[in-house]
Amino acid sequence: MAQIRKLLEAGLSTQQIAYLLPCATGAAPDLEPCPELLDTLRTRLHGLDEHIGTLVRSRQALHDYIDATERRVSTSAGLRRC
């Protein structure tokens, strides 16, 4: 049960966990090095890395909009309604 909770915390779906359970041997994160296990974990990690990259770019774009807007506010008479 602890193994399943840890795999869920790692962001794996219940379908992926069911597929990997034969590799689970003990307390989390204790898994047998099955090829399908490593492939699934690496795929999930790659997906997370891509998502983090997207979030970082979105965050930077929002910072850029805020900075540009604040500069305009400081040089104009005030805010106008959009």
C-alpha atoms as a PDB file:
ATOM      1  CA  MET A   1       0.000   0.000   0.000  1.00  0.00           C
ATOM      2  CA  ALA A   2       2.842   2.441   0.817  1.00  0.00           C
ATOM      3  CA  GLN A   3       4.385   1.641  -2.555  1.00  0.00           C
ATOM      4  CA  ILE A   4       1.159   2.610  -4.350  1.00  0.00           C
ATOM      5  CA  ARG A   5       0.922   5.882  -2.408  1.00  0.00           C
ATOM      6  CA  LYS A   6       4.515   6.758  -3.288  1.00  0.00           C
ATOM      7  CA  LEU A   7       3.950   5.959  -6.960  1.00  0.00           C
ATOM      8  CA  LEU A   8       0.832   8.155  -6.928  1.00  0.00           C
ATOM      9  CA  GLU A   9       2.876  10.937  -5.302  1.00  0.00           C
ATOM     10  CA  ALA A  10       5.384  10.532  -8.139  1.00  0.00           C
ATOM     11  CA  GLY A  11       2.569  11.415 -10.532  1.00  0.00           C
ATOM     12  CA  LEU A  12       1.950   8.016 -12.048  1.00  0.00           C
ATOM     13  CA  SER A  13      -1.565   7.127 -13.080  1.00  0.00           C
ATOM     14  CA  THR A  14      -3.373   4.200 -11.499  1.00  0.00           C
ATOM     15  CA  GLN A  15      -3.136   2.431 -14.863  1.00  0.00           C
ATOM     16  CA  GLN A  16       0.652   2.867 -14.903  1.00  0.00           C
ATOM     17  CA  ILE A  17       0.876   1.718 -11.291  1.00  0.00           C
ATOM     18  CA  ALA A  18      -1.156  -1.417 -12.026  1.00  0.00           C
ATOM     19  CA  TYR A  19       1.242  -2.159 -14.874  1.00  0.00           C
ATOM     20  CA  LEU A  20       4.274  -1.666 -12.607  1.00  0.00           C
ATOM     21  CA  LEU A  21       3.053  -3.459  -9.477  1.00  0.00           C
ATOM     22  CA  PRO A  22       4.780  -6.739 -10.413  1.00  0.00           C
ATOM     23  CA  CYS A  23       8.070  -4.799 -10.032  1.00  0.00           C
ATOM     24  CA  ALA A  24       7.185  -3.614  -6.512  1.00  0.00           C
ATOM     25  CA  THR A  25       8.996  -5.646  -3.878  1.00  0.00           C
ATOM     26  CA  GLY A  26       8.931  -3.767  -0.595  1.00  0.00           C
ATOM     27  CA  ALA A  27       8.676  -0.382   1.005  1.00  0.00           C
ATOM     28  CA  ALA A  28       8.697   2.617  -1.295  1.00  0.00           C
ATOM     29  CA  PRO A  29      10.712   3.293  -3.362  1.00  0.00           C
ATOM     30  CA  ASP A  30      11.879  -0.320  -3.558  1.00  0.00           C
ATOM     31  CA  LEU A  31      11.290  -1.676  -7.055  1.00  0.00           C
ATOM     32  CA  GLU A  32      12.837  -4.446  -9.084  1.00  0.00           C
ATOM     33  CA  PRO A  33      14.678  -3.008 -12.090  1.00  0.00           C
ATOM     34  CA  CYS A  34      12.203  -4.240 -14.706  1.00  0.00           C
ATOM     35  CA  PRO A  35      12.683  -2.687 -18.179  1.00  0.00           C
ATOM     36  CA  GLU A  36       9.041  -1.555 -18.311  1.00  0.00           C
ATOM     37  CA  LEU A  37       9.482   0.109 -14.930  1.00  0.00           C
ATOM     38  CA  LEU A  38      12.409   2.219 -16.036  1.00  0.00           C
ATOM     39  CA  ASP A  39      10.722   3.099 -19.329  1.00  0.00           C
ATOM     40  CA  THR A  40       7.547   4.215 -17.550  1.00  0.00           C
ATOM     41  CA  LEU A  41       9.409   6.227 -14.906  1.00  0.00           C
ATOM     42  CA  ARG A  42      11.637   7.898 -17.495  1.00  0.00           C
ATOM     43  CA  THR A  43       8.636   8.735 -19.672  1.00  0.00           C
ATOM     44  CA  ARG A  44       6.853  10.295 -16.696  1.00  0.00           C
ATOM     45  CA  LEU A  45       9.970  12.275 -15.760  1.00  0.00           C
ATOM     46  CA  HIS A  46      10.334  13.521 -19.336  1.00  0.00           C
ATOM     47  CA  GLY A  47       6.694  14.631 -19.325  1.00  0.00           C
ATOM     48  CA  LEU A  48       7.211  16.482 -16.043  1.00  0.00           C
ATOM     49  CA  ASP A  49      10.338  18.176 -17.398  1.00  0.00           C
ATOM     50  CA  GLU A  50       8.398  19.345 -20.467  1.00  0.00           C
ATOM     51  CA  HIS A  51       5.556  20.617 -18.281  1.00  0.00           C
ATOM     52  CA  ILE A  52       7.981  22.456 -16.015  1.00  0.00           C
ATOM     53  CA  GLY A  53       9.567  24.063 -19.078  1.00  0.00           C
ATOM     54  CA  THR A  54       6.155  25.243 -20.259  1.00  0.00           C
ATOM     55  CA  LEU A  55       5.353  26.626 -16.803  1.00  0.00           C
ATOM     56  CA  VAL A  56       8.690  28.459 -16.631  1.00  0.00           C
ATOM     57  CA  ARG A  57       8.061  30.061 -20.047  1.00  0.00           C
ATOM     58  CA  SER A  58       4.511  31.028 -19.020  1.00  0.00           C
ATOM     59  CA  ARG A  59       5.791  32.487 -15.764  1.00  0.00           C
ATOM     60  CA  GLN A  60       8.406  34.538 -17.603  1.00  0.00           C
ATOM     61  CA  ALA A  61       5.820  35.803 -20.101  1.00  0.00           C
ATOM     62  CA  LEU A  62       3.591  36.937 -17.238  1.00  0.00           C
ATOM     63  CA  HIS A  63       6.528  38.680 -15.553  1.00  0.00           C
ATOM     64  CA  ASP A  64       7.302  40.429 -18.845  1.00  0.00           C
ATOM     65  CA  TYR A  65       3.692  41.635 -19.197  1.00  0.00           C
ATOM     66  CA  ILE A  66       3.609  42.844 -15.595  1.00  0.00           C
ATOM     67  CA  ASP A  67       6.957  44.640 -15.923  1.00  0.00           C
ATOM     68  CA  ALA A  68       5.976  46.314 -19.189  1.00  0.00           C
ATOM     69  CA  THR A  69       2.597  47.372 -17.800  1.00  0.00           C
ATOM     70  CA  GLU A  70       4.124  48.713 -14.576  1.00  0.00           C
ATOM     71  CA  ARG A  71       6.594  50.780 -16.614  1.00  0.00           C
ATOM     72  CA  ARG A  72       3.700  52.292 -18.560  1.00  0.00           C
ATOM     73  CA  VAL A  73       1.807  53.023 -15.347  1.00  0.00           C
ATOM     74  CA  SER A  74       4.799  54.838 -13.866  1.00  0.00           C
ATOM     75  CA  THR A  75       5.162  57.022 -16.977  1.00  0.00           C
ATOM     76  CA  SER A  76       1.465  57.736 -17.518  1.00  0.00           C
ATOM     77  CA  ALA A  77      -1.043  59.717 -15.482  1.00  0.00           C
ATOM     78  CA  GLY A  78      -2.699  56.605 -14.114  1.00  0.00           C
ATOM     79  CA  LEU A  79      -4.620  53.482 -14.955  1.00  0.00           C
ATOM     80  CA  ARG A  80      -7.443  53.424 -17.435  1.00  0.00           C
ATOM     81  CA  ARG A  81     -10.139  50.818 -17.669  1.00  0.00           C
ATOM     82  CA  CYS A  82      -9.590  48.180 -20.341  1.00  0.00           C
END
